Amino acid sequence: MMVYDEQVIRRLKRLEGQTRGILKMMEDGKNCKEVVSQLSAVRSAADKAIAYIVAVNLEQCVLQAQEDHVDPRRQVNEAVELLIKSR
């Protein structure tokens, strides 16, 4: 089972705040360029959150594989596939 630390939870809360800010901008009639710029920032932050979650999970899986004396290549391949699919 994956354990999500405070760092990733804070990242997601910031994403939530950014998204609410974009909605407010739209309600206030801000121009397209400003809204798209903020949406791009949210997308970038989401990509970083995904990478962080996959990296932490991969680290946990590799450590467990080492403890179980199992080759961790499958876990590494799954992590790479997950990152590719997230794009």
PDB file of N, CA and C in Angstrom:
ATOM      1  N   MET A   1       0.847  -1.181   0.000  1.00  0.00           N
ATOM      2  CA  MET A   1       0.000   0.000   0.000  1.00  0.00           C
ATOM      3  C   MET A   1       0.888   1.238   0.000  1.00  0.00           C
ATOM      4  N   MET A   2       0.548   2.183  -0.839  1.00  0.00           N
ATOM      5  CA  MET A   2       1.315   3.429  -0.962  1.00  0.00           C
ATOM      6  C   MET A   2       0.991   4.346   0.209  1.00  0.00           C
ATOM      7  N   VAL A   3       2.036   4.926   0.773  1.00  0.00           N
ATOM      8  CA  VAL A   3       1.873   5.910   1.837  1.00  0.00           C
ATOM      9  C   VAL A   3       2.203   7.275   1.232  1.00  0.00           C
ATOM     10  N   TYR A   4       1.235   8.177   1.256  1.00  0.00           N
ATOM     11  CA  TYR A   4       1.423   9.516   0.686  1.00  0.00           C
ATOM     12  C   TYR A   4       1.858  10.462   1.791  1.00  0.00           C
ATOM     13  N   ASP A   5       3.015  11.088   1.598  1.00  0.00           N
ATOM     14  CA  ASP A   5       3.530  11.970   2.633  1.00  0.00           C
ATOM     15  C   ASP A   5       2.932  13.375   2.512  1.00  0.00           C
ATOM     16  N   GLU A   6       3.260  14.193   3.486  1.00  0.00           N
ATOM     17  CA  GLU A   6       2.721  15.558   3.539  1.00  0.00           C
ATOM     18  C   GLU A   6       3.136  16.391   2.336  1.00  0.00           C
ATOM     19  N   GLN A   7       4.302  16.125   1.798  1.00  0.00           N
ATOM     20  CA  GLN A   7       4.787  16.911   0.656  1.00  0.00           C
ATOM     21  C   GLN A   7       3.853  16.765  -0.544  1.00  0.00           C
ATOM     22  N   VAL A   8       3.448  15.552  -0.862  1.00  0.00           N
ATOM     23  CA  VAL A   8       2.569  15.358  -2.018  1.00  0.00           C
ATOM     24  C   VAL A   8       1.167  15.895  -1.724  1.00  0.00           C
ATOM     25  N   ILE A   9       0.727  15.779  -0.500  1.00  0.00           N
ATOM     26  CA  ILE A   9      -0.586  16.314  -0.127  1.00  0.00           C
ATOM     27  C   ILE A   9      -0.586  17.833  -0.254  1.00  0.00           C
ATOM     28  N   ARG A  10       0.499  18.472   0.178  1.00  0.00           N
ATOM     29  CA  ARG A  10       0.614  19.937   0.018  1.00  0.00           C
ATOM     30  C   ARG A  10       0.612  20.336  -1.451  1.00  0.00           C
ATOM     31  N   ARG A  11       1.306  19.559  -2.284  1.00  0.00           N
ATOM     32  CA  ARG A  11       1.328  19.841  -3.725  1.00  0.00           C
ATOM     33  C   ARG A  11      -0.092  19.826  -4.295  1.00  0.00           C
ATOM     34  N   LEU A  12      -0.849  18.824  -3.910  1.00  0.00           N
ATOM     35  CA  LEU A  12      -2.211  18.701  -4.440  1.00  0.00           C
ATOM     36  C   LEU A  12      -3.128  19.795  -3.909  1.00  0.00           C
ATOM     37  N   LYS A  13      -2.914  20.202  -2.685  1.00  0.00           N
ATOM     38  CA  LYS A  13      -3.704  21.312  -2.144  1.00  0.00           C
ATOM     39  C   LYS A  13      -3.390  22.610  -2.879  1.00  0.00           C
ATOM     40  N   ARG A  14      -2.112  22.797  -3.248  1.00  0.00           N
ATOM     41  CA  ARG A  14      -1.756  23.980  -4.045  1.00  0.00           C
ATOM     42  C   ARG A  14      -2.414  23.922  -5.411  1.00  0.00           C
ATOM     43  N   LEU A  15      -2.453  22.733  -6.000  1.00  0.00           N
ATOM     44  CA  LEU A  15      -3.139  22.554  -7.285  1.00  0.00           C
ATOM     45  C   LEU A  15      -4.621  22.920  -7.164  1.00  0.00           C
ATOM     46  N   GLU A  16      -5.222  22.480  -6.092  1.00  0.00           N
ATOM     47  CA  GLU A  16      -6.626  22.799  -5.849  1.00  0.00           C
ATOM     48  C   GLU A  16      -6.811  24.315  -5.753  1.00  0.00           C
ATOM     49  N   GLY A  17      -5.929  24.979  -5.024  1.00  0.00           N
ATOM     50  CA  GLY A  17      -6.008  26.431  -4.893  1.00  0.00           C
ATOM     51  C   GLY A  17      -5.806  27.139  -6.225  1.00  0.00           C
ATOM     52  N   GLN A  18      -4.843  26.645  -7.009  1.00  0.00           N
ATOM     53  CA  GLN A  18      -4.612  27.230  -8.325  1.00  0.00           C
ATOM     54  C   GLN A  18      -5.847  27.069  -9.214  1.00  0.00           C
ATOM     55  N   THR A  19      -6.463  25.914  -9.156  1.00  0.00           N
ATOM     56  CA  THR A  19      -7.651  25.660  -9.972  1.00  0.00           C
ATOM     57  C   THR A  19      -8.800  26.575  -9.558  1.00  0.00           C
ATOM     58  N   ARG A  20      -8.976  26.747  -8.275  1.00  0.00           N
ATOM     59  CA  ARG A  20     -10.009  27.676  -7.795  1.00  0.00           C
ATOM     60  C   ARG A  20      -9.711  29.109  -8.261  1.00  0.00           C
ATOM     61  N   GLY A  21      -8.433  29.466  -8.264  1.00  0.00           N
ATOM     62  CA  GLY A  21      -8.035  30.780  -8.736  1.00  0.00           C
ATOM     63  C   GLY A  21      -8.362  30.978 -10.208  1.00  0.00           C
ATOM     64  N   ILE A  22      -8.162  29.934 -10.996  1.00  0.00           N
ATOM     65  CA  ILE A  22      -8.484  30.012 -12.426  1.00  0.00           C
ATOM     66  C   ILE A  22      -9.984  30.186 -12.616  1.00  0.00           C
ATOM     67  N   LEU A  23     -10.770  29.443 -11.853  1.00  0.00           N
ATOM     68  CA  LEU A  23     -12.227  29.601 -11.944  1.00  0.00           C
ATOM     69  C   LEU A  23     -12.641  31.028 -11.611  1.00  0.00           C
ATOM     70  N   LYS A  24     -12.009  31.605 -10.597  1.00  0.00           N
ATOM     71  CA  LYS A  24     -12.298  32.989 -10.214  1.00  0.00           C
ATOM     72  C   LYS A  24     -11.916  33.945 -11.342  1.00  0.00           C
ATOM     73  N   MET A  25     -10.770  33.693 -11.959  1.00  0.00           N
ATOM     74  CA  MET A  25     -10.346  34.523 -13.084  1.00  0.00           C
ATOM     75  C   MET A  25     -11.384  34.474 -14.205  1.00  0.00           C
ATOM     76  N   MET A  26     -11.889  33.285 -14.473  1.00  0.00           N
ATOM     77  CA  MET A  26     -12.890  33.122 -15.538  1.00  0.00           C
ATOM     78  C   MET A  26     -14.182  33.850 -15.172  1.00  0.00           C
ATOM     79  N   GLU A  27     -14.588  33.716 -13.907  1.00  0.00           N
ATOM     80  CA  GLU A  27     -15.801  34.403 -13.453  1.00  0.00           C
ATOM     81  C   GLU A  27     -15.636  35.918 -13.546  1.00  0.00           C
ATOM     82  N   ASP A  28     -14.412  36.405 -13.324  1.00  0.00           N
ATOM     83  CA  ASP A  28     -14.126  37.833 -13.390  1.00  0.00           C
ATOM     84  C   ASP A  28     -13.877  38.321 -14.811  1.00  0.00           C
ATOM     85  N   GLY A  29     -13.917  37.395 -15.778  1.00  0.00           N
ATOM     86  CA  GLY A  29     -13.761  37.779 -17.176  1.00  0.00           C
ATOM     87  C   GLY A  29     -12.339  38.101 -17.587  1.00  0.00           C
ATOM     88  N   LYS A  30     -11.355  37.528 -16.910  1.00  0.00           N
ATOM     89  CA  LYS A  30      -9.954  37.766 -17.290  1.00  0.00           C
ATOM     90  C   LYS A  30      -9.723  37.267 -18.712  1.00  0.00           C
ATOM     91  N   ASN A  31      -8.713  37.838 -19.352  1.00  0.00           N
ATOM     92  CA  ASN A  31      -8.500  37.473 -20.758  1.00  0.00           C
ATOM     93  C   ASN A  31      -7.946  36.062 -20.911  1.00  0.00           C
ATOM     94  N   CYS A  32      -8.101  35.559 -22.097  1.00  0.00           N
ATOM     95  CA  CYS A  32      -7.731  34.183 -22.446  1.00  0.00           C
ATOM     96  C   CYS A  32      -6.266  33.897 -22.127  1.00  0.00           C
ATOM     97  N   LYS A  33      -5.394  34.832 -22.463  1.00  0.00           N
ATOM     98  CA  LYS A  33      -3.956  34.625 -22.267  1.00  0.00           C
ATOM     99  C   LYS A  33      -3.628  34.386 -20.796  1.00  0.00           C
ATOM    100  N   GLU A  34      -4.235  35.149 -19.912  1.00  0.00           N
ATOM    101  CA  GLU A  34      -3.984  34.978 -18.471  1.00  0.00           C
ATOM    102  C   GLU A  34      -4.501  33.631 -17.979  1.00  0.00           C
ATOM    103  N   VAL A  35      -5.700  33.262 -18.425  1.00  0.00           N
ATOM    104  CA  VAL A  35      -6.298  31.997 -17.994  1.00  0.00           C
ATOM    105  C   VAL A  35      -5.469  30.816 -18.491  1.00  0.00           C
ATOM    106  N   VAL A  36      -5.078  30.857 -19.766  1.00  0.00           N
ATOM    107  CA  VAL A  36      -4.294  29.759 -20.334  1.00  0.00           C
ATOM    108  C   VAL A  36      -2.933  29.662 -19.645  1.00  0.00           C
ATOM    109  N   SER A  37      -2.357  30.796 -19.331  1.00  0.00           N
ATOM    110  CA  SER A  37      -1.074  30.802 -18.628  1.00  0.00           C
ATOM    111  C   SER A  37      -1.200  30.097 -17.280  1.00  0.00           C
ATOM    112  N   GLN A  38      -2.248  30.373 -16.551  1.00  0.00           N
ATOM    113  CA  GLN A  38      -2.466  29.720 -15.256  1.00  0.00           C
ATOM    114  C   GLN A  38      -2.794  28.240 -15.416  1.00  0.00           C
ATOM    115  N   LEU A  39      -3.542  27.899 -16.458  1.00  0.00           N
ATOM    116  CA  LEU A  39      -3.832  26.484 -16.718  1.00  0.00           C
ATOM    117  C   LEU A  39      -2.548  25.718 -17.030  1.00  0.00           C
ATOM    118  N   SER A  40      -1.645  26.348 -17.759  1.00  0.00           N
ATOM    119  CA  SER A  40      -0.355  25.719 -18.057  1.00  0.00           C
ATOM    120  C   SER A  40       0.438  25.483 -16.776  1.00  0.00           C
ATOM    121  N   ALA A  41       0.361  26.427 -15.857  1.00  0.00           N
ATOM    122  CA  ALA A  41       1.044  26.273 -14.569  1.00  0.00           C
ATOM    123  C   ALA A  41       0.455  25.094 -13.788  1.00  0.00           C
ATOM    124  N   VAL A  42      -0.860  24.949 -13.836  1.00  0.00           N
ATOM    125  CA  VAL A  42      -1.515  23.832 -13.153  1.00  0.00           C
ATOM    126  C   VAL A  42      -1.088  22.508 -13.783  1.00  0.00           C
ATOM    127  N   ARG A  43      -1.043  22.478 -15.107  1.00  0.00           N
ATOM    128  CA  ARG A  43      -0.628  21.250 -15.792  1.00  0.00           C
ATOM    129  C   ARG A  43       0.798  20.885 -15.395  1.00  0.00           C
ATOM    130  N   SER A  44       1.680  21.863 -15.356  1.00  0.00           N
ATOM    131  CA  SER A  44       3.067  21.621 -14.966  1.00  0.00           C
ATOM    132  C   SER A  44       3.144  21.110 -13.525  1.00  0.00           C
ATOM    133  N   ALA A  45       2.384  21.718 -12.640  1.00  0.00           N
ATOM    134  CA  ALA A  45       2.368  21.283 -11.238  1.00  0.00           C
ATOM    135  C   ALA A  45       1.814  19.866 -11.112  1.00  0.00           C
ATOM    136  N   ALA A  46       0.796  19.540 -11.898  1.00  0.00           N
ATOM    137  CA  ALA A  46       0.229  18.185 -11.875  1.00  0.00           C
ATOM    138  C   ALA A  46       1.253  17.174 -12.378  1.00  0.00           C
ATOM    139  N   ASP A  47       1.982  17.526 -13.439  1.00  0.00           N
ATOM    140  CA  ASP A  47       3.024  16.632 -13.954  1.00  0.00           C
ATOM    141  C   ASP A  47       4.097  16.375 -12.894  1.00  0.00           C
ATOM    142  N   LYS A  48       4.472  17.416 -12.171  1.00  0.00           N
ATOM    143  CA  LYS A  48       5.478  17.259 -11.114  1.00  0.00           C
ATOM    144  C   LYS A  48       4.945  16.387  -9.979  1.00  0.00           C
ATOM    145  N   ALA A  49       3.674  16.540  -9.653  1.00  0.00           N
ATOM    146  CA  ALA A  49       3.068  15.711  -8.610  1.00  0.00           C
ATOM    147  C   ALA A  49       3.047  14.245  -9.044  1.00  0.00           C
ATOM    148  N   ILE A  50       2.705  14.005 -10.301  1.00  0.00           N
ATOM    149  CA  ILE A  50       2.697  12.635 -10.823  1.00  0.00           C
ATOM    150  C   ILE A  50       4.094  12.035 -10.727  1.00  0.00           C
ATOM    151  N   ALA A  51       5.093  12.784 -11.178  1.00  0.00           N
ATOM    152  CA  ALA A  51       6.471  12.287 -11.152  1.00  0.00           C
ATOM    153  C   ALA A  51       6.912  11.996  -9.720  1.00  0.00           C
ATOM    154  N   TYR A  52       6.556  12.864  -8.798  1.00  0.00           N
ATOM    155  CA  TYR A  52       6.927  12.668  -7.400  1.00  0.00           C
ATOM    156  C   TYR A  52       6.283  11.397  -6.846  1.00  0.00           C
ATOM    157  N   ILE A  53       4.989  11.227  -7.099  1.00  0.00           N
ATOM    158  CA  ILE A  53       4.276  10.044  -6.601  1.00  0.00           C
ATOM    159  C   ILE A  53       4.874   8.766  -7.176  1.00  0.00           C
ATOM    160  N   VAL A  54       5.138   8.758  -8.476  1.00  0.00           N
ATOM    161  CA  VAL A  54       5.719   7.567  -9.109  1.00  0.00           C
ATOM    162  C   VAL A  54       7.114   7.298  -8.546  1.00  0.00           C
ATOM    163  N   ALA A  55       7.917   8.344  -8.360  1.00  0.00           N
ATOM    164  CA  ALA A  55       9.274   8.163  -7.842  1.00  0.00           C
ATOM    165  C   ALA A  55       9.272   7.598  -6.426  1.00  0.00           C
ATOM    166  N   VAL A  56       8.426   8.134  -5.573  1.00  0.00           N
ATOM    167  CA  VAL A  56       8.354   7.647  -4.193  1.00  0.00           C
ATOM    168  C   VAL A  56       7.861   6.204  -4.170  1.00  0.00           C
ATOM    169  N   ASN A  57       6.858   5.905  -4.981  1.00  0.00           N
ATOM    170  CA  ASN A  57       6.343   4.540  -5.049  1.00  0.00           C
ATOM    171  C   ASN A  57       7.413   3.587  -5.575  1.00  0.00           C
ATOM    172  N   LEU A  58       8.131   4.018  -6.608  1.00  0.00           N
ATOM    173  CA  LEU A  58       9.183   3.179  -7.167  1.00  0.00           C
ATOM    174  C   LEU A  58      10.262   2.899  -6.117  1.00  0.00           C
ATOM    175  N   GLU A  59      10.631   3.922  -5.380  1.00  0.00           N
ATOM    176  CA  GLU A  59      11.622   3.732  -4.328  1.00  0.00           C
ATOM    177  C   GLU A  59      11.144   2.687  -3.320  1.00  0.00           C
ATOM    178  N   GLN A  60       9.892   2.788  -2.903  1.00  0.00           N
ATOM    179  CA  GLN A  60       9.339   1.824  -1.952  1.00  0.00           C
ATOM    180  C   GLN A  60       9.331   0.418  -2.549  1.00  0.00           C
ATOM    181  N   CYS A  61       8.964   0.309  -3.821  1.00  0.00           N
ATOM    182  CA  CYS A  61       8.907  -1.007  -4.477  1.00  0.00           C
ATOM    183  C   CYS A  61      10.291  -1.633  -4.621  1.00  0.00           C
ATOM    184  N   VAL A  62      11.281  -0.817  -4.985  1.00  0.00           N
ATOM    185  CA  VAL A  62      12.639  -1.337  -5.145  1.00  0.00           C
ATOM    186  C   VAL A  62      13.201  -1.782  -3.798  1.00  0.00           C
ATOM    187  N   LEU A  63      12.979  -0.995  -2.768  1.00  0.00           N
ATOM    188  CA  LEU A  63      13.443  -1.394  -1.434  1.00  0.00           C
ATOM    189  C   LEU A  63      12.785  -2.696  -0.998  1.00  0.00           C
ATOM    190  N   GLN A  64      11.494  -2.834  -1.269  1.00  0.00           N
ATOM    191  CA  GLN A  64      10.785  -4.065  -0.915  1.00  0.00           C
ATOM    192  C   GLN A  64      11.320  -5.243  -1.723  1.00  0.00           C
ATOM    193  N   ALA A  65      11.587  -5.021  -3.010  1.00  0.00           N
ATOM    194  CA  ALA A  65      12.129  -6.081  -3.859  1.00  0.00           C
ATOM    195  C   ALA A  65      13.492  -6.538  -3.344  1.00  0.00           C
ATOM    196  N   GLN A  66      14.314  -5.582  -2.941  1.00  0.00           N
ATOM    197  CA  GLN A  66      15.629  -5.937  -2.384  1.00  0.00           C
ATOM    198  C   GLN A  66      15.472  -6.741  -1.104  1.00  0.00           C
ATOM    199  N   GLU A  67      14.548  -6.320  -0.275  1.00  0.00           N
ATOM    200  CA  GLU A  67      14.305  -7.029   0.982  1.00  0.00           C
ATOM    201  C   GLU A  67      13.813  -8.450   0.715  1.00  0.00           C
ATOM    202  N   ASP A  68      12.995  -8.607  -0.332  1.00  0.00           N
ATOM    203  CA  ASP A  68      12.448  -9.918  -0.691  1.00  0.00           C
ATOM    204  C   ASP A  68      13.386 -10.713  -1.600  1.00  0.00           C
ATOM    205  N   HIS A  69      14.567 -10.136  -1.918  1.00  0.00           N
ATOM    206  CA  HIS A  69      15.540 -10.767  -2.813  1.00  0.00           C
ATOM    207  C   HIS A  69      14.928 -11.057  -4.185  1.00  0.00           C
ATOM    208  N   VAL A  70      14.227 -10.049  -4.713  1.00  0.00           N
ATOM    209  CA  VAL A  70      13.567 -10.158  -6.018  1.00  0.00           C
ATOM    210  C   VAL A  70      14.167  -9.095  -6.941  1.00  0.00           C
ATOM    211  N   ASP A  71      14.256  -9.409  -8.214  1.00  0.00           N
ATOM    212  CA  ASP A  71      14.758  -8.450  -9.203  1.00  0.00           C
ATOM    213  C   ASP A  71      13.732  -7.322  -9.372  1.00  0.00           C
ATOM    214  N   PRO A  72      14.137  -6.068  -9.157  1.00  0.00           N
ATOM    215  CA  PRO A  72      13.190  -4.940  -9.209  1.00  0.00           C
ATOM    216  C   PRO A  72      12.899  -4.421 -10.623  1.00  0.00           C
ATOM    217  N   ARG A  73      13.399  -5.073 -11.665  1.00  0.00           N
ATOM    218  CA  ARG A  73      13.208  -4.554 -13.022  1.00  0.00           C
ATOM    219  C   ARG A  73      11.745  -4.404 -13.403  1.00  0.00           C
ATOM    220  N   ARG A  74      10.908  -5.315 -12.962  1.00  0.00           N
ATOM    221  CA  ARG A  74       9.480  -5.230 -13.284  1.00  0.00           C
ATOM    222  C   ARG A  74       8.892  -3.940 -12.710  1.00  0.00           C
ATOM    223  N   GLN A  75       9.227  -3.627 -11.478  1.00  0.00           N
ATOM    224  CA  GLN A  75       8.716  -2.409 -10.849  1.00  0.00           C
ATOM    225  C   GLN A  75       9.220  -1.159 -11.575  1.00  0.00           C
ATOM    226  N   VAL A  76      10.478  -1.182 -11.996  1.00  0.00           N
ATOM    227  CA  VAL A  76      11.037  -0.050 -12.729  1.00  0.00           C
ATOM    228  C   VAL A  76      10.310   0.114 -14.056  1.00  0.00           C
ATOM    229  N   ASN A  77      10.099  -0.972 -14.768  1.00  0.00           N
ATOM    230  CA  ASN A  77       9.378  -0.910 -16.046  1.00  0.00           C
ATOM    231  C   ASN A  77       7.954  -0.409 -15.860  1.00  0.00           C
ATOM    232  N   GLU A  78       7.286  -0.866 -14.812  1.00  0.00           N
ATOM    233  CA  GLU A  78       5.920  -0.400 -14.545  1.00  0.00           C
ATOM    234  C   GLU A  78       5.902   1.104 -14.255  1.00  0.00           C
ATOM    235  N   ALA A  79       6.894   1.591 -13.523  1.00  0.00           N
ATOM    236  CA  ALA A  79       6.965   3.017 -13.219  1.00  0.00           C
ATOM    237  C   ALA A  79       7.179   3.833 -14.486  1.00  0.00           C
ATOM    238  N   VAL A  80       8.060   3.362 -15.358  1.00  0.00           N
ATOM    239  CA  VAL A  80       8.295   4.065 -16.625  1.00  0.00           C
ATOM    240  C   VAL A  80       7.014   4.087 -17.456  1.00  0.00           C
ATOM    241  N   GLU A  81       6.335   2.967 -17.545  1.00  0.00           N
ATOM    242  CA  GLU A  81       5.075   2.905 -18.296  1.00  0.00           C
ATOM    243  C   GLU A  81       4.033   3.863 -17.714  1.00  0.00           C
ATOM    244  N   LEU A  82       3.969   3.923 -16.413  1.00  0.00           N
ATOM    245  CA  LEU A  82       3.022   4.809 -15.754  1.00  0.00           C
ATOM    246  C   LEU A  82       3.309   6.275 -16.087  1.00  0.00           C
ATOM    247  N   LEU A  83       4.579   6.636 -16.082  1.00  0.00           N
ATOM    248  CA  LEU A  83       4.952   8.009 -16.454  1.00  0.00           C
ATOM    249  C   LEU A  83       4.617   8.312 -17.918  1.00  0.00           C
ATOM    250  N   ILE A  84       4.873   7.347 -18.781  1.00  0.00           N
ATOM    251  CA  ILE A  84       4.554   7.537 -20.200  1.00  0.00           C
ATOM    252  C   ILE A  84       3.054   7.703 -20.399  1.00  0.00           C
ATOM    253  N   LYS A  85       2.265   6.864 -19.747  1.00  0.00           N
ATOM    254  CA  LYS A  85       0.800   6.959 -19.880  1.00  0.00           C
ATOM    255  C   LYS A  85       0.246   8.259 -19.307  1.00  0.00           C
ATOM    256  N   SER A  86       0.939   8.824 -18.330  1.00  0.00           N
ATOM    257  CA  SER A  86       0.426  10.044 -17.693  1.00  0.00           C
ATOM    258  C   SER A  86       0.576  11.260 -18.592  1.00  0.00           C
ATOM    259  N   ARG A  87       1.303  11.159 -19.657  1.00  0.00           N
ATOM    260  CA  ARG A  87       1.499  12.269 -20.582  1.00  0.00           C
ATOM    261  C   ARG A  87       0.381  12.252 -21.553  1.00  0.00           C
TER     262      ARG A  87
END
